[in-house]
PDB file of N, CA and C in Angstrom:
ATOM      1  N   UNK A   1      47.977 -11.869 -72.479  1.00  0.00           N
ATOM      2  CA  UNK A   1      46.651 -12.257 -72.052  1.00  0.00           C
ATOM      3  C   UNK A   1      45.686 -11.120 -72.378  1.00  0.00           C
ATOM      4  N   UNK A   2      44.581 -11.476 -72.977  1.00  0.00           N
ATOM      5  CA  UNK A   2      43.568 -10.484 -73.344  1.00  0.00           C
ATOM      6  C   UNK A   2      42.329 -10.675 -72.475  1.00  0.00           C
ATOM      7  N   UNK A   3      41.962  -9.641 -71.753  1.00  0.00           N
ATOM      8  CA  UNK A   3      40.787  -9.671 -70.884  1.00  0.00           C
ATOM      9  C   UNK A   3      39.714  -8.751 -71.457  1.00  0.00           C
ATOM     10  N   UNK A   4      38.516  -9.277 -71.574  1.00  0.00           N
ATOM     11  CA  UNK A   4      37.391  -8.470 -72.038  1.00  0.00           C
ATOM     12  C   UNK A   4      36.259  -8.594 -71.013  1.00  0.00           C
ATOM     13  N   UNK A   5      35.918  -7.492 -70.424  1.00  0.00           N
ATOM     14  CA  UNK A   5      34.837  -7.477 -69.458  1.00  0.00           C
ATOM     15  C   UNK A   5      33.517  -7.337 -70.191  1.00  0.00           C
ATOM     16  N   UNK A   6      32.686  -8.375 -70.097  1.00  0.00           N
ATOM     17  CA  UNK A   6      31.372  -8.356 -70.742  1.00  0.00           C
ATOM     18  C   UNK A   6      30.330  -7.764 -69.809  1.00  0.00           C
ATOM     19  N   UNK A   7      30.645  -7.648 -68.559  1.00  0.00           N
ATOM     20  CA  UNK A   7      29.766  -7.046 -67.579  1.00  0.00           C
ATOM     21  C   UNK A   7      30.521  -6.825 -66.282  1.00  0.00           C
ATOM     22  N   UNK A   8      30.178  -5.760 -65.590  1.00  0.00           N
ATOM     23  CA  UNK A   8      30.834  -5.439 -64.309  1.00  0.00           C
ATOM     24  C   UNK A   8      29.817  -5.078 -63.241  1.00  0.00           C
ATOM     25  N   UNK A   9      28.554  -5.308 -63.513  1.00  0.00           N
ATOM     26  CA  UNK A   9      27.505  -4.956 -62.554  1.00  0.00           C
ATOM     27  C   UNK A   9      27.244  -6.068 -61.560  1.00  0.00           C
ATOM     28  N   UNK A  10      26.421  -5.769 -60.587  1.00  0.00           N
ATOM     29  CA  UNK A  10      26.015  -6.746 -59.580  1.00  0.00           C
ATOM     30  C   UNK A  10      24.914  -7.639 -60.147  1.00  0.00           C
ATOM     31  N   UNK A  11      24.339  -8.458 -59.316  1.00  0.00           N
ATOM     32  CA  UNK A  11      23.348  -9.438 -59.751  1.00  0.00           C
ATOM     33  C   UNK A  11      22.133  -8.819 -60.427  1.00  0.00           C
ATOM     34  N   UNK A  12      21.785  -7.590 -60.053  1.00  0.00           N
ATOM     35  CA  UNK A  12      20.610  -6.961 -60.654  1.00  0.00           C
ATOM     36  C   UNK A  12      20.962  -6.071 -61.839  1.00  0.00           C
ATOM     37  N   UNK A  13      22.249  -5.925 -62.164  1.00  0.00           N
ATOM     38  CA  UNK A  13      22.651  -5.039 -63.248  1.00  0.00           C
ATOM     39  C   UNK A  13      22.503  -3.580 -62.821  1.00  0.00           C
ATOM     40  N   UNK A  14      22.907  -2.684 -63.701  1.00  0.00           N
ATOM     41  CA  UNK A  14      22.819  -1.257 -63.378  1.00  0.00           C
ATOM     42  C   UNK A  14      22.610  -0.471 -64.659  1.00  0.00           C
ATOM     43  N   UNK A  15      21.627   0.382 -64.702  1.00  0.00           N
ATOM     44  CA  UNK A  15      20.727   0.786 -63.642  1.00  0.00           C
ATOM     45  C   UNK A  15      19.751  -0.331 -63.297  1.00  0.00           C
ATOM     46  N   UNK A  16      19.282  -0.310 -62.063  1.00  0.00           N
ATOM     47  CA  UNK A  16      18.358  -1.325 -61.580  1.00  0.00           C
ATOM     48  C   UNK A  16      17.035  -1.183 -62.329  1.00  0.00           C
ATOM     49  N   UNK A  17      16.493  -2.301 -62.747  1.00  0.00           N
ATOM     50  CA  UNK A  17      15.346  -2.344 -63.653  1.00  0.00           C
ATOM     51  C   UNK A  17      14.169  -1.471 -63.218  1.00  0.00           C
ATOM     52  N   UNK A  18      13.712  -1.577 -61.988  1.00  0.00           N
ATOM     53  CA  UNK A  18      12.541  -0.831 -61.550  1.00  0.00           C
ATOM     54  C   UNK A  18      12.887   0.297 -60.597  1.00  0.00           C
ATOM     55  N   UNK A  19      14.097   0.823 -60.691  1.00  0.00           N
ATOM     56  CA  UNK A  19      14.531   1.899 -59.804  1.00  0.00           C
ATOM     57  C   UNK A  19      14.439   3.243 -60.515  1.00  0.00           C
ATOM     58  N   UNK A  20      13.917   4.232 -59.804  1.00  0.00           N
ATOM     59  CA  UNK A  20      13.796   5.561 -60.374  1.00  0.00           C
ATOM     60  C   UNK A  20      14.663   6.582 -59.677  1.00  0.00           C
ATOM     61  N   UNK A  21      15.676   6.137 -58.914  1.00  0.00           N
ATOM     62  CA  UNK A  21      16.539   7.073 -58.225  1.00  0.00           C
ATOM     63  C   UNK A  21      17.342   7.906 -59.218  1.00  0.00           C
ATOM     64  N   UNK A  22      17.896   8.984 -58.749  1.00  0.00           N
ATOM     65  CA  UNK A  22      18.636   9.903 -59.610  1.00  0.00           C
ATOM     66  C   UNK A  22      19.804   9.217 -60.334  1.00  0.00           C
ATOM     67  N   UNK A  23      20.540   8.362 -59.623  1.00  0.00           N
ATOM     68  CA  UNK A  23      21.690   7.689 -60.234  1.00  0.00           C
ATOM     69  C   UNK A  23      21.259   6.763 -61.365  1.00  0.00           C
ATOM     70  N   UNK A  24      20.230   5.955 -61.115  1.00  0.00           N
ATOM     71  CA  UNK A  24      19.760   5.041 -62.152  1.00  0.00           C
ATOM     72  C   UNK A  24      19.194   5.787 -63.353  1.00  0.00           C
ATOM     73  N   UNK A  25      18.452   6.852 -63.095  1.00  0.00           N
ATOM     74  CA  UNK A  25      17.899   7.663 -64.194  1.00  0.00           C
ATOM     75  C   UNK A  25      19.012   8.315 -65.009  1.00  0.00           C
ATOM     76  N   UNK A  26      20.043   8.786 -64.344  1.00  0.00           N
ATOM     77  CA  UNK A  26      21.182   9.391 -65.060  1.00  0.00           C
ATOM     78  C   UNK A  26      21.884   8.354 -65.923  1.00  0.00           C
ATOM     79  N   UNK A  27      22.091   7.155 -65.383  1.00  0.00           N
ATOM     80  CA  UNK A  27      22.734   6.083 -66.163  1.00  0.00           C
ATOM     81  C   UNK A  27      21.914   5.740 -67.394  1.00  0.00           C
ATOM     82  N   UNK A  28      20.592   5.667 -67.243  1.00  0.00           N
ATOM     83  CA  UNK A  28      19.721   5.382 -68.392  1.00  0.00           C
ATOM     84  C   UNK A  28      19.849   6.471 -69.456  1.00  0.00           C
ATOM     85  N   UNK A  29      19.883   7.713 -69.024  1.00  0.00           N
ATOM     86  CA  UNK A  29      19.976   8.833 -69.965  1.00  0.00           C
ATOM     87  C   UNK A  29      21.302   8.843 -70.696  1.00  0.00           C
ATOM     88  N   UNK A  30      22.372   8.530 -69.994  1.00  0.00           N
ATOM     89  CA  UNK A  30      23.710   8.530 -70.597  1.00  0.00           C
ATOM     90  C   UNK A  30      23.922   7.342 -71.522  1.00  0.00           C
ATOM     91  N   UNK A  31      23.394   6.178 -71.121  1.00  0.00           N
ATOM     92  CA  UNK A  31      23.571   4.968 -71.922  1.00  0.00           C
ATOM     93  C   UNK A  31      25.040   4.551 -72.002  1.00  0.00           C
ATOM     94  N   UNK A  32      25.395   3.830 -73.040  1.00  0.00           N
ATOM     95  CA  UNK A  32      26.786   3.407 -73.273  1.00  0.00           C
ATOM     96  C   UNK A  32      27.404   2.759 -72.051  1.00  0.00           C
ATOM     97  N   UNK A  33      28.594   3.212 -71.665  1.00  0.00           N
ATOM     98  CA  UNK A  33      29.301   2.583 -70.532  1.00  0.00           C
ATOM     99  C   UNK A  33      28.611   2.809 -69.180  1.00  0.00           C
ATOM    100  N   UNK A  34      27.610   3.660 -69.130  1.00  0.00           N
ATOM    101  CA  UNK A  34      26.873   3.845 -67.881  1.00  0.00           C
ATOM    102  C   UNK A  34      25.928   2.679 -67.601  1.00  0.00           C
ATOM    103  N   UNK A  35      25.641   1.889 -68.617  1.00  0.00           N
ATOM    104  CA  UNK A  35      24.812   0.717 -68.473  1.00  0.00           C
ATOM    105  C   UNK A  35      25.741  -0.460 -68.183  1.00  0.00           C
ATOM    106  N   UNK A  36      25.576  -1.070 -67.011  1.00  0.00           N
ATOM    107  CA  UNK A  36      26.463  -2.148 -66.594  1.00  0.00           C
ATOM    108  C   UNK A  36      25.724  -3.469 -66.541  1.00  0.00           C
ATOM    109  N   UNK A  37      26.136  -4.382 -67.393  1.00  0.00           N
ATOM    110  CA  UNK A  37      25.554  -5.722 -67.388  1.00  0.00           C
ATOM    111  C   UNK A  37      26.122  -6.517 -66.211  1.00  0.00           C
ATOM    112  N   UNK A  38      25.500  -7.645 -65.959  1.00  0.00           N
ATOM    113  CA  UNK A  38      25.968  -8.511 -64.878  1.00  0.00           C
ATOM    114  C   UNK A  38      27.340  -9.092 -65.194  1.00  0.00           C
ATOM    115  N   UNK A  39      28.102  -9.357 -64.150  1.00  0.00           N
ATOM    116  CA  UNK A  39      29.517  -9.683 -64.268  1.00  0.00           C
ATOM    117  C   UNK A  39      29.803 -10.893 -65.157  1.00  0.00           C
ATOM    118  N   UNK A  40      30.781 -10.719 -66.040  1.00  0.00           N
ATOM    119  CA  UNK A  40      31.307 -11.781 -66.885  1.00  0.00           C
ATOM    120  C   UNK A  40      32.637 -11.297 -67.462  1.00  0.00           C
ATOM    121  N   UNK A  41      33.545 -12.237 -67.661  1.00  0.00           N
ATOM    122  CA  UNK A  41      34.872 -11.906 -68.168  1.00  0.00           C
ATOM    123  C   UNK A  41      35.289 -12.945 -69.189  1.00  0.00           C
ATOM    124  N   UNK A  42      35.800 -12.495 -70.319  1.00  0.00           N
ATOM    125  CA  UNK A  42      36.306 -13.376 -71.367  1.00  0.00           C
ATOM    126  C   UNK A  42      37.821 -13.257 -71.415  1.00  0.00           C
ATOM    127  N   UNK A  43      38.512 -14.378 -71.263  1.00  0.00           N
ATOM    128  CA  UNK A  43      39.971 -14.393 -71.247  1.00  0.00           C
ATOM    129  C   UNK A  43      40.477 -15.071 -72.513  1.00  0.00           C
ATOM    130  N   UNK A  44      41.231 -14.347 -73.303  1.00  0.00           N
ATOM    131  CA  UNK A  44      41.833 -14.873 -74.549  1.00  0.00           C
ATOM    132  C   UNK A  44      40.823 -15.563 -75.463  1.00  0.00           C
ATOM    133  N   UNK A  45      39.586 -15.129 -75.448  1.00  0.00           N
ATOM    134  CA  UNK A  45      38.513 -15.692 -76.270  1.00  0.00           C
ATOM    135  C   UNK A  45      38.260 -17.174 -76.023  1.00  0.00           C
ATOM    136  N   UNK A  46      38.917 -17.771 -75.020  1.00  0.00           N
ATOM    137  CA  UNK A  46      38.792 -19.210 -74.788  1.00  0.00           C
ATOM    138  C   UNK A  46      38.227 -19.568 -73.424  1.00  0.00           C
ATOM    139  N   UNK A  47      38.319 -18.676 -72.466  1.00  0.00           N
ATOM    140  CA  UNK A  47      37.807 -18.933 -71.110  1.00  0.00           C
ATOM    141  C   UNK A  47      36.773 -17.877 -70.773  1.00  0.00           C
ATOM    142  N   UNK A  48      35.575 -18.313 -70.468  1.00  0.00           N
ATOM    143  CA  UNK A  48      34.511 -17.409 -70.064  1.00  0.00           C
ATOM    144  C   UNK A  48      34.264 -17.597 -68.581  1.00  0.00           C
ATOM    145  N   UNK A  49      34.438 -16.533 -67.822  1.00  0.00           N
ATOM    146  CA  UNK A  49      34.224 -16.575 -66.380  1.00  0.00           C
ATOM    147  C   UNK A  49      32.866 -15.980 -66.102  1.00  0.00           C
ATOM    148  N   UNK A  50      31.986 -16.809 -65.619  1.00  0.00           N
ATOM    149  CA  UNK A  50      30.584 -16.536 -65.312  1.00  0.00           C
ATOM    150  C   UNK A  50      29.741 -16.385 -66.580  1.00  0.00           C
ATOM    151  N   UNK A  51      28.505 -16.761 -66.459  1.00  0.00           N
ATOM    152  CA  UNK A  51      27.610 -16.874 -67.607  1.00  0.00           C
ATOM    153  C   UNK A  51      26.225 -16.431 -67.164  1.00  0.00           C
ATOM    154  N   UNK A  52      26.043 -15.138 -67.032  1.00  0.00           N
ATOM    155  CA  UNK A  52      24.786 -14.587 -66.572  1.00  0.00           C
ATOM    156  C   UNK A  52      23.797 -14.366 -67.696  1.00  0.00           C
ATOM    157  N   UNK A  53      22.614 -13.856 -67.374  1.00  0.00           N
ATOM    158  CA  UNK A  53      21.576 -13.666 -68.376  1.00  0.00           C
ATOM    159  C   UNK A  53      21.871 -12.567 -69.395  1.00  0.00           C
ATOM    160  N   UNK A  54      22.898 -11.760 -69.171  1.00  0.00           N
ATOM    161  CA  UNK A  54      23.239 -10.683 -70.103  1.00  0.00           C
ATOM    162  C   UNK A  54      24.300 -11.082 -71.122  1.00  0.00           C
ATOM    163  N   UNK A  55      24.786 -12.287 -71.066  1.00  0.00           N
ATOM    164  CA  UNK A  55      25.944 -12.682 -71.865  1.00  0.00           C
ATOM    165  C   UNK A  55      25.682 -12.564 -73.386  1.00  0.00           C
ATOM    166  N   UNK A  56      24.511 -12.950 -73.818  1.00  0.00           N
ATOM    167  CA  UNK A  56      24.208 -12.864 -75.247  1.00  0.00           C
ATOM    168  C   UNK A  56      24.186 -11.429 -75.735  1.00  0.00           C
ATOM    169  N   UNK A  57      23.528 -10.576 -74.989  1.00  0.00           N
ATOM    170  CA  UNK A  57      23.476  -9.144 -75.333  1.00  0.00           C
ATOM    171  C   UNK A  57      24.873  -8.522 -75.341  1.00  0.00           C
ATOM    172  N   UNK A  58      25.680  -8.867 -74.348  1.00  0.00           N
ATOM    173  CA  UNK A  58      27.041  -8.313 -74.259  1.00  0.00           C
ATOM    174  C   UNK A  58      27.886  -8.789 -75.440  1.00  0.00           C
ATOM    175  N   UNK A  59      27.810 -10.049 -75.769  1.00  0.00           N
ATOM    176  CA  UNK A  59      28.602 -10.590 -76.890  1.00  0.00           C
ATOM    177  C   UNK A  59      28.207  -9.939 -78.205  1.00  0.00           C
ATOM    178  N   UNK A  60      26.894  -9.747 -78.414  1.00  0.00           N
ATOM    179  CA  UNK A  60      26.458  -9.096 -79.648  1.00  0.00           C
ATOM    180  C   UNK A  60      26.909  -7.634 -79.701  1.00  0.00           C
ATOM    181  N   UNK A  61      26.772  -6.929 -78.579  1.00  0.00           N
ATOM    182  CA  UNK A  61      27.155  -5.511 -78.546  1.00  0.00           C
ATOM    183  C   UNK A  61      28.650  -5.329 -78.798  1.00  0.00           C
ATOM    184  N   UNK A  62      29.457  -6.268 -78.303  1.00  0.00           N
ATOM    185  CA  UNK A  62      30.904  -6.156 -78.451  1.00  0.00           C
ATOM    186  C   UNK A  62      31.434  -6.923 -79.656  1.00  0.00           C
ATOM    187  N   UNK A  63      30.500  -7.553 -80.399  1.00  0.00           N
ATOM    188  CA  UNK A  63      30.857  -8.345 -81.587  1.00  0.00           C
ATOM    189  C   UNK A  63      31.879  -9.422 -81.280  1.00  0.00           C
ATOM    190  N   UNK A  64      31.607 -10.160 -80.209  1.00  0.00           N
ATOM    191  CA  UNK A  64      32.506 -11.229 -79.780  1.00  0.00           C
ATOM    192  C   UNK A  64      31.933 -12.587 -80.191  1.00  0.00           C
ATOM    193  N   UNK A  65      32.721 -13.384 -80.899  1.00  0.00           N
ATOM    194  CA  UNK A  65      32.252 -14.723 -81.293  1.00  0.00           C
ATOM    195  C   UNK A  65      32.471 -15.718 -80.143  1.00  0.00           C
ATOM    196  N   UNK A  66      31.404 -16.077 -79.453  1.00  0.00           N
ATOM    197  CA  UNK A  66      31.557 -16.973 -78.311  1.00  0.00           C
ATOM    198  C   UNK A  66      31.794 -18.428 -78.723  1.00  0.00           C
ATOM    199  N   UNK A  67      31.737 -18.727 -80.006  1.00  0.00           N
ATOM    200  CA  UNK A  67      31.978 -20.115 -80.433  1.00  0.00           C
ATOM    201  C   UNK A  67      33.435 -20.539 -80.190  1.00  0.00           C
ATOM    202  N   UNK A  68      34.306 -19.602 -79.903  1.00  0.00           N
ATOM    203  CA  UNK A  68      35.718 -19.926 -79.599  1.00  0.00           C
ATOM    204  C   UNK A  68      35.934 -20.303 -78.138  1.00  0.00           C
ATOM    205  N   UNK A  69      34.941 -20.103 -77.300  1.00  0.00           N
ATOM    206  CA  UNK A  69      35.071 -20.418 -75.875  1.00  0.00           C
ATOM    207  C   UNK A  69      35.246 -21.926 -75.711  1.00  0.00           C
ATOM    208  N   UNK A  70      36.296 -22.304 -75.003  1.00  0.00           N
ATOM    209  CA  UNK A  70      36.586 -23.720 -74.754  1.00  0.00           C
ATOM    210  C   UNK A  70      36.265 -24.124 -73.319  1.00  0.00           C
ATOM    211  N   UNK A  71      36.307 -23.152 -72.390  1.00  0.00           N
ATOM    212  CA  UNK A  71      36.105 -23.446 -70.981  1.00  0.00           C
ATOM    213  C   UNK A  71      35.186 -22.395 -70.368  1.00  0.00           C
ATOM    214  N   UNK A  72      34.353 -22.843 -69.440  1.00  0.00           N
ATOM    215  CA  UNK A  72      33.441 -21.961 -68.726  1.00  0.00           C
ATOM    216  C   UNK A  72      33.665 -22.190 -67.237  1.00  0.00           C
ATOM    217  N   UNK A  73      33.945 -21.112 -66.531  1.00  0.00           N
ATOM    218  CA  UNK A  73      34.146 -21.166 -65.087  1.00  0.00           C
ATOM    219  C   UNK A  73      32.980 -20.443 -64.422  1.00  0.00           C
ATOM    220  N   UNK A  74      32.213 -21.175 -63.625  1.00  0.00           N
ATOM    221  CA  UNK A  74      31.108 -20.599 -62.872  1.00  0.00           C
ATOM    222  C   UNK A  74      31.634 -20.351 -61.459  1.00  0.00           C
ATOM    223  N   UNK A  75      31.687 -19.109 -61.052  1.00  0.00           N
ATOM    224  CA  UNK A  75      32.289 -18.779 -59.754  1.00  0.00           C
ATOM    225  C   UNK A  75      31.339 -18.978 -58.587  1.00  0.00           C
ATOM    226  N   UNK A  76      30.033 -18.894 -58.845  1.00  0.00           N
ATOM    227  CA  UNK A  76      29.067 -19.070 -57.766  1.00  0.00           C
ATOM    228  C   UNK A  76      27.669 -19.210 -58.365  1.00  0.00           C
ATOM    229  N   UNK A  77      26.758 -19.705 -57.539  1.00  0.00           N
ATOM    230  CA  UNK A  77      25.383 -19.904 -57.988  1.00  0.00           C
ATOM    231  C   UNK A  77      24.452 -18.926 -57.280  1.00  0.00           C
ATOM    232  N   UNK A  78      23.350 -18.625 -57.920  1.00  0.00           N
ATOM    233  CA  UNK A  78      22.300 -17.816 -57.319  1.00  0.00           C
ATOM    234  C   UNK A  78      21.078 -18.724 -57.197  1.00  0.00           C
ATOM    235  N   UNK A  79      20.805 -19.187 -56.038  1.00  0.00           N
ATOM    236  CA  UNK A  79      19.668 -20.068 -55.819  1.00  0.00           C
ATOM    237  C   UNK A  79      20.060 -21.224 -54.920  1.00  0.00           C
ATOM    238  N   UNK A  80      19.074 -22.020 -54.609  1.00  0.00           N
ATOM    239  CA  UNK A  80      19.314 -23.148 -53.708  1.00  0.00           C
ATOM    240  C   UNK A  80      19.422 -24.426 -54.532  1.00  0.00           C
ATOM    241  N   UNK A  81      20.407 -25.208 -54.191  1.00  0.00           N
ATOM    242  CA  UNK A  81      20.619 -26.497 -54.843  1.00  0.00           C
ATOM    243  C   UNK A  81      20.688 -27.579 -53.776  1.00  0.00           C
ATOM    244  N   UNK A  82      20.133 -28.747 -54.051  1.00  0.00           N
ATOM    245  CA  UNK A  82      20.234 -29.879 -53.128  1.00  0.00           C
ATOM    246  C   UNK A  82      19.074 -30.028 -52.340  1.00  0.00           C
TER     247      UNK A  82
END
């Protein structure tokens, strides 16, 4: 089984967009793995777990062809429905 984490951050991502705290500023300066996109996981290139707003950027950065995804699992929603 091959697991690829496309994001491991919380709902707001990390560093937080409008935050100027020392931790967020350090993450911005370091870049690379210090920048955490919102949570998503690709399993065997066929199952995508969660589909947040960073998925396109993550797939391009990791050079992952999402056209092979056969199943999408949404673990939870952000917002009110019904």
